[in-house]
Amino acid sequence: MPEPTSPSPVPPVLFEADHQGRRHVGFGLPEPGAALTLHPVDAPTLADTFLTTDGSPEAVRTALTAAEPVTVPADDPELRLRPPLLPEATGSALLSGFMGTHTKKWGGEKAPEGGEFTPPKWFFKGFGDWARLPGEDLVVPASPVALIEEPEVALVYVNDADGTPHYAGYTFGNDLCDIGLHRKDPGYNPYCKLCDTALAPWLFLGPPPASVTGRTTILRDGATAWEGSFDCGGDALYFRVADMAAHFFTFPAVRRPGLVNYLLLGADEASFHDGFRIADGDRVAIEVKSHGVTLDNTVRFTAPAPAPAVNTA
């Protein structure tokens, strides 16, 4: 389970990349365009590190730097960053999250201490390998009602062989969804969430953050069409992070052995609440200023789907 939310400073960072057909790990936030120092690592070893050590940045780094490092140019065509701790097996990671968690949606109040915990509503986005990286397109249905970008903290957990979840760290995501469809009928929320989600490849090796501040800029045809600030840290939430995570893991379905969970903590108000409407081809740049992270993705509406063939024989 996560510890209480952390103050500054920003904790150490781990990241992963595929290079020349092998998985690698690196440390720190690379400078734009700078070469990367990478250590070859086996995928099981990487996940197991958070199960066999105390999970501290020092222990993780020691366990993952035994192999001789390689230096790789940032523009190497054989280099591709990965979502944090994403398993090789399809379906071995889940991406999900909570709704209505910010104090703004609760009149500025915080959940009362003590008593029975009333959990926030929860949603399922998809398998972990559905997540898109910064720079990749975010694909949505052909005719969304009204899209919204949602900058969020994503907690990362690895389940051990008994199904016990081990907290690894946190990253950031853009939970793009069709809020217009949700508002049309809250029962349509599972459909509303069937839009691509971006996850940053940087895993911050520390407790969930108390303060996460930044700014979103939406570009249309190369010009700024909308911009606004956000706060998605634990201090901005109505619910306590530890309570949300503890309740989530009471469900056996998310405690399957070896499963990785990406758990989104909820978003601040965004462009939709300001009357803006995201269009096909808009570029959404989410700059998490407090952590030096940027998620920059272009939204693409899909072509209308063909009618599925139905066997009536």
Protein backbone atom coordinates (compact mmCIF):
# COMPACT_ATOMS: atom_id res chain seq x y z
CA MET A 1 0.00 0.00 0.00
CA PRO A 2 1.25 3.56 -0.59
CA GLU A 3 2.69 5.58 2.24
CA PRO A 4 1.23 9.01 3.04
CA THR A 5 1.62 11.51 0.24
CA SER A 6 5.09 12.98 -0.12
CA PRO A 7 6.26 16.57 0.02
CA SER A 8 8.99 17.98 -2.17
CA PRO A 9 11.62 17.24 -3.38
CA VAL A 10 10.77 15.16 -6.42
CA PRO A 11 11.93 11.53 -5.94
CA PRO A 12 14.39 9.63 -8.18
CA VAL A 13 13.18 8.38 -11.56
CA LEU A 14 13.45 5.00 -13.30
CA PHE A 15 12.59 4.47 -16.97
CA GLU A 16 12.57 1.56 -19.41
CA ALA A 17 13.32 1.21 -23.08
CA ASP A 18 13.55 -1.44 -25.76
CA HIS A 19 16.80 -1.28 -27.73
CA GLN A 20 18.01 -3.74 -30.36
CA GLY A 21 15.45 -6.32 -29.30
CA ARG A 22 16.29 -6.21 -25.59
CA ARG A 23 14.78 -4.51 -22.58
CA HIS A 24 16.83 -1.89 -20.73
CA VAL A 25 16.48 0.36 -17.70
CA GLY A 26 17.80 3.87 -17.06
CA PHE A 27 17.72 6.37 -14.22
CA GLY A 28 16.87 10.07 -14.04
CA LEU A 29 14.90 12.33 -16.36
CA PRO A 30 16.97 12.63 -19.56
CA GLU A 31 17.61 16.07 -20.96
CA PRO A 32 15.86 16.58 -24.34
CA GLY A 33 18.02 15.19 -27.12
CA ALA A 34 20.66 13.84 -24.71
CA ALA A 35 22.09 10.32 -25.08
CA LEU A 36 20.67 7.73 -22.69
CA THR A 37 22.68 5.48 -20.38
CA LEU A 38 20.89 2.13 -20.28
CA HIS A 39 21.44 -1.13 -18.40
CA PRO A 40 20.25 -4.37 -20.04
CA VAL A 41 17.74 -6.20 -17.87
CA ASP A 42 15.40 -9.17 -18.16
CA ALA A 43 11.70 -8.33 -17.89
CA PRO A 44 11.02 -10.70 -14.93
CA THR A 45 14.03 -9.29 -13.08
CA LEU A 46 12.66 -5.77 -13.42
CA ALA A 47 9.25 -6.55 -11.90
CA ASP A 48 10.76 -8.87 -9.29
CA THR A 49 12.99 -6.06 -8.07
CA PHE A 50 9.98 -4.43 -6.44
CA LEU A 51 9.04 -7.73 -4.79
CA THR A 52 12.46 -8.87 -3.55
CA THR A 53 13.84 -5.55 -2.26
CA ASP A 54 12.40 -2.93 0.07
CA GLY A 55 11.50 -0.87 -3.00
CA SER A 56 13.75 2.02 -2.03
CA PRO A 57 15.46 3.90 -4.87
CA GLU A 58 18.87 2.74 -3.65
CA ALA A 59 17.89 -0.94 -3.52
CA VAL A 60 16.17 -0.80 -6.91
CA ARG A 61 19.15 0.88 -8.55
CA THR A 62 21.62 -1.61 -7.05
CA ALA A 63 19.54 -4.56 -8.24
CA LEU A 64 19.20 -3.27 -11.80
CA THR A 65 22.67 -1.97 -12.62
CA ALA A 66 24.70 -5.17 -12.50
CA ALA A 67 24.96 -5.41 -16.31
CA GLU A 68 27.43 -3.21 -18.19
CA PRO A 69 25.65 -0.03 -19.37
CA VAL A 70 25.36 1.10 -22.95
CA THR A 71 25.07 4.66 -24.27
CA VAL A 72 22.33 5.16 -26.84
CA PRO A 73 21.61 8.36 -28.86
CA ALA A 74 18.16 9.79 -28.17
CA ASP A 75 17.31 9.58 -31.88
CA ASP A 76 18.42 5.95 -32.32
CA PRO A 77 15.70 4.36 -34.52
CA GLU A 78 15.99 1.12 -32.53
CA LEU A 79 15.19 2.89 -29.25
CA ARG A 80 11.65 2.97 -27.86
CA LEU A 81 10.61 3.97 -24.37
CA ARG A 82 8.05 1.86 -22.51
CA PRO A 83 5.27 2.50 -19.99
CA PRO A 84 6.65 1.77 -16.50
CA LEU A 85 6.91 -1.95 -15.63
CA LEU A 86 4.65 -2.98 -18.52
CA PRO A 87 4.73 -6.81 -18.75
CA GLU A 88 5.53 -8.53 -22.03
CA ALA A 89 2.36 -10.63 -21.87
CA THR A 90 -0.75 -8.93 -23.26
CA GLY A 91 -3.42 -8.65 -20.58
CA SER A 92 -0.98 -8.82 -17.65
CA ALA A 93 -1.54 -5.17 -16.72
CA LEU A 94 -4.71 -3.17 -16.07
CA LEU A 95 -5.31 0.56 -16.49
CA SER A 96 -8.15 1.94 -14.38
CA GLY A 97 -8.95 4.83 -12.08
CA PHE A 98 -11.26 6.88 -9.89
CA MET A 99 -13.85 9.55 -10.68
CA GLY A 100 -14.94 12.67 -8.84
CA THR A 101 -11.96 12.70 -6.49
CA HIS A 102 -11.03 16.41 -6.43
CA THR A 103 -12.07 18.75 -3.63
CA LYS A 104 -13.46 21.13 -6.28
CA LYS A 105 -16.18 18.57 -6.87
CA TRP A 106 -16.91 18.36 -3.13
CA GLY A 107 -17.26 22.05 -2.35
CA GLY A 108 -13.63 22.28 -1.26
CA GLU A 109 -14.14 19.77 1.53
CA LYS A 110 -11.99 16.77 2.52
CA ALA A 111 -13.28 13.31 3.47
CA PRO A 112 -13.89 13.17 7.24
CA GLU A 113 -11.39 11.29 9.37
CA GLY A 114 -12.57 8.01 10.89
CA GLY A 115 -15.78 6.15 10.26
CA GLU A 116 -16.66 3.95 7.32
CA PHE A 117 -14.88 4.75 4.05
CA THR A 118 -17.19 5.61 1.17
CA PRO A 119 -15.14 4.94 -1.99
CA PRO A 120 -15.24 7.07 -5.14
CA LYS A 121 -16.66 5.70 -8.36
CA TRP A 122 -14.18 3.58 -10.34
CA PHE A 123 -13.70 3.04 -14.08
CA PHE A 124 -11.79 0.61 -16.31
CA LYS A 125 -9.79 1.99 -19.23
CA GLY A 126 -8.24 -1.17 -20.66
CA PHE A 127 -5.20 -3.40 -20.54
CA GLY A 128 -1.83 -1.85 -19.80
CA ASP A 129 -0.55 -2.28 -23.32
CA TRP A 130 -3.40 -0.08 -24.57
CA ALA A 131 -1.62 2.94 -23.07
CA ARG A 132 0.06 5.35 -25.48
CA LEU A 133 3.38 7.11 -24.88
CA PRO A 134 4.02 10.84 -25.26
CA GLY A 135 4.30 11.68 -28.95
CA GLU A 136 1.88 8.95 -30.02
CA ASP A 137 -1.65 9.59 -31.27
CA LEU A 138 -4.61 9.23 -28.93
CA VAL A 139 -7.39 7.56 -30.91
CA VAL A 140 -11.06 8.14 -30.05
CA PRO A 141 -14.35 7.03 -31.64
CA ALA A 142 -15.40 8.67 -34.90
CA SER A 143 -18.12 10.90 -33.43
CA PRO A 144 -17.50 11.74 -29.76
CA VAL A 145 -20.00 14.01 -28.01
CA ALA A 146 -17.42 16.15 -26.16
CA LEU A 147 -13.89 15.11 -25.27
CA ILE A 148 -11.89 16.14 -22.23
CA GLU A 149 -8.21 15.81 -21.41
CA GLU A 150 -7.55 14.71 -17.82
CA PRO A 151 -4.05 15.12 -16.34
CA GLU A 152 -3.71 12.59 -13.53
CA VAL A 153 -1.29 10.84 -11.21
CA ALA A 154 -1.03 7.11 -12.00
CA LEU A 155 0.11 4.81 -9.19
CA VAL A 156 1.96 1.65 -10.28
CA TYR A 157 1.65 -1.65 -8.38
CA VAL A 158 3.12 -5.12 -9.00
CA ASN A 159 1.40 -8.18 -7.55
CA ASP A 160 3.60 -10.96 -6.16
CA ALA A 161 3.05 -14.71 -6.57
CA ASP A 162 0.43 -14.67 -3.80
CA GLY A 163 -1.41 -11.73 -5.35
CA THR A 164 -0.24 -9.22 -2.76
CA PRO A 165 0.19 -5.77 -4.38
CA HIS A 166 3.55 -4.00 -3.96
CA TYR A 167 3.67 -0.26 -4.60
CA ALA A 168 6.47 0.63 -7.06
CA GLY A 169 6.01 4.37 -7.63
CA TYR A 170 3.99 6.80 -9.69
CA THR A 171 3.85 8.38 -13.11
CA PHE A 172 1.44 10.69 -14.95
CA GLY A 173 -1.28 10.13 -17.51
CA ASN A 174 -3.84 11.82 -19.72
CA ASP A 175 -7.15 10.01 -19.23
CA LEU A 176 -8.73 11.31 -22.43
CA CYS A 177 -12.45 10.49 -22.44
CA ASP A 178 -15.85 11.53 -23.82
CA ILE A 179 -17.29 13.53 -20.92
CA GLY A 180 -20.17 14.62 -23.16
CA LEU A 181 -21.32 11.02 -23.48
CA HIS A 182 -21.03 10.57 -19.72
CA ARG A 183 -23.11 13.68 -19.06
CA LYS A 184 -25.70 12.56 -21.58
CA ASP A 185 -26.20 9.46 -19.42
CA PRO A 186 -23.84 8.44 -16.57
CA GLY A 187 -24.68 4.84 -17.41
CA TYR A 188 -22.71 5.34 -20.62
CA ASN A 189 -19.50 5.97 -18.66
CA PRO A 190 -17.88 2.64 -19.68
CA TYR A 191 -18.27 3.75 -23.33
CA CYS A 192 -17.00 7.24 -22.48
CA LYS A 193 -13.71 5.77 -21.25
CA LEU A 194 -13.03 3.87 -24.50
CA CYS A 195 -10.54 6.50 -25.68
CA ASP A 196 -6.77 6.08 -25.68
CA THR A 197 -4.86 7.08 -22.56
CA ALA A 198 -1.32 8.47 -22.50
CA LEU A 199 1.13 7.36 -19.80
CA ALA A 200 4.53 8.95 -19.21
CA PRO A 201 7.44 6.46 -19.28
CA TRP A 202 8.99 7.93 -16.11
CA LEU A 203 8.45 6.02 -12.85
CA PHE A 204 9.01 8.23 -9.79
CA LEU A 205 10.38 6.05 -6.99
CA GLY A 206 8.60 7.63 -4.06
CA PRO A 207 5.25 7.86 -2.24
CA PRO A 208 2.26 9.36 -4.07
CA PRO A 209 2.84 13.10 -4.41
CA ALA A 210 1.03 15.67 -2.30
CA SER A 211 1.40 18.44 -4.87
CA VAL A 212 1.33 18.08 -8.66
CA THR A 213 0.89 21.29 -10.59
CA GLY A 214 1.10 22.07 -14.26
CA ARG A 215 -0.42 23.59 -17.34
CA THR A 216 -2.27 22.18 -20.33
CA THR A 217 -2.00 23.74 -23.78
CA ILE A 218 -4.20 22.60 -26.67
CA LEU A 219 -2.86 23.48 -30.11
CA ARG A 220 -5.01 23.62 -33.25
CA ASP A 221 -3.31 24.12 -36.61
CA GLY A 222 -0.12 25.07 -34.76
CA ALA A 223 -1.70 27.84 -32.69
CA THR A 224 -2.78 27.82 -29.04
CA ALA A 225 -6.53 27.20 -28.92
CA TRP A 226 -6.87 26.75 -25.15
CA GLU A 227 -4.68 26.65 -22.07
CA GLY A 228 -5.19 26.30 -18.35
CA SER A 229 -3.56 25.13 -15.14
CA PHE A 230 -4.23 22.01 -13.06
CA ASP A 231 -3.43 20.37 -9.71
CA CYS A 232 -3.80 16.62 -9.34
CA GLY A 233 -1.70 15.91 -6.22
CA GLY A 234 -3.01 14.23 -3.10
CA ASP A 235 -3.64 17.54 -1.34
CA ALA A 236 -6.13 18.48 -4.08
CA LEU A 237 -8.19 15.31 -3.56
CA TYR A 238 -11.26 14.84 -1.38
CA PHE A 239 -10.32 11.22 -0.69
CA ARG A 240 -7.06 10.07 0.91
CA VAL A 241 -4.89 8.19 -1.58
CA ALA A 242 -4.15 5.34 0.83
CA ASP A 243 -7.88 4.78 1.45
CA MET A 244 -8.68 4.64 -2.28
CA ALA A 245 -5.86 2.19 -3.00
CA ALA A 246 -6.65 -0.02 -0.01
CA HIS A 247 -10.31 -0.32 -1.04
CA PHE A 248 -9.38 -1.04 -4.66
CA PHE A 249 -7.24 -3.99 -3.64
CA THR A 250 -10.04 -5.61 -1.64
CA PHE A 251 -11.22 -7.00 -4.99
CA PRO A 252 -9.58 -10.34 -5.89
CA ALA A 253 -9.84 -9.63 -9.63
CA VAL A 254 -7.11 -6.98 -9.37
CA ARG A 255 -4.90 -9.11 -7.11
CA ARG A 256 -4.08 -11.80 -9.65
CA PRO A 257 -0.46 -13.03 -9.28
CA GLY A 258 1.97 -11.13 -11.50
CA LEU A 259 -0.54 -8.46 -12.49
CA VAL A 260 0.61 -4.83 -12.85
CA ASN A 261 -1.97 -2.15 -12.00
CA TYR A 262 -1.88 1.44 -13.25
CA LEU A 263 -4.28 3.32 -11.00
CA LEU A 264 -5.36 6.84 -12.04
CA LEU A 265 -6.25 9.10 -9.11
CA GLY A 266 -8.58 11.56 -10.84
CA ALA A 267 -8.37 14.89 -12.64
CA ASP A 268 -8.85 18.58 -11.99
CA GLU A 269 -11.28 20.63 -14.06
CA ALA A 270 -10.04 20.99 -17.64
CA SER A 271 -10.80 22.49 -21.05
CA PHE A 272 -14.36 21.11 -21.24
CA HIS A 273 -15.34 22.96 -18.06
CA ASP A 274 -14.12 26.19 -19.70
CA GLY A 275 -16.42 25.67 -22.67
CA PHE A 276 -13.69 24.44 -25.05
CA ARG A 277 -14.27 21.43 -27.32
CA ILE A 278 -11.39 19.22 -28.51
CA ALA A 279 -11.43 18.55 -32.27
CA ASP A 280 -9.87 15.95 -34.54
CA GLY A 281 -6.17 16.74 -34.97
CA ASP A 282 -5.81 18.89 -31.84
CA ARG A 283 -2.50 18.48 -30.03
CA VAL A 284 -2.77 18.23 -26.24
CA ALA A 285 0.40 19.18 -24.36
CA ILE A 286 0.25 18.51 -20.61
CA GLU A 287 3.25 19.98 -18.81
CA VAL A 288 3.62 18.68 -15.25
CA LYS A 289 5.74 21.61 -14.13
CA SER A 290 6.23 20.32 -10.58
CA HIS A 291 7.96 17.19 -11.91
CA GLY A 292 9.54 18.24 -15.22
CA VAL A 293 7.34 15.90 -17.27
CA THR A 294 5.43 16.60 -20.51
CA LEU A 295 2.80 14.45 -22.23
CA ASP A 296 2.30 15.68 -25.79
CA ASN A 297 -0.21 13.78 -27.94
CA THR A 298 -2.38 14.42 -30.98
CA VAL A 299 -6.06 13.43 -30.82
CA ARG A 300 -7.29 11.42 -33.81
CA PHE A 301 -10.92 10.60 -34.52
CA THR A 302 -11.25 7.17 -36.11
CA ALA A 303 -13.05 6.56 -39.36
CA PRO A 304 -16.60 5.27 -38.87
CA ALA A 305 -16.51 1.56 -38.18
CA PRO A 306 -18.01 -0.82 -40.73
CA ALA A 307 -21.08 -2.72 -39.65
CA PRO A 308 -19.98 -6.11 -38.23
CA ALA A 309 -20.98 -9.21 -40.12
CA VAL A 310 -23.62 -11.22 -38.29
CA ASN A 311 -24.05 -14.93 -38.91
CA THR A 312 -27.80 -15.55 -38.97
CA ALA A 313 -27.59 -19.13 -40.19
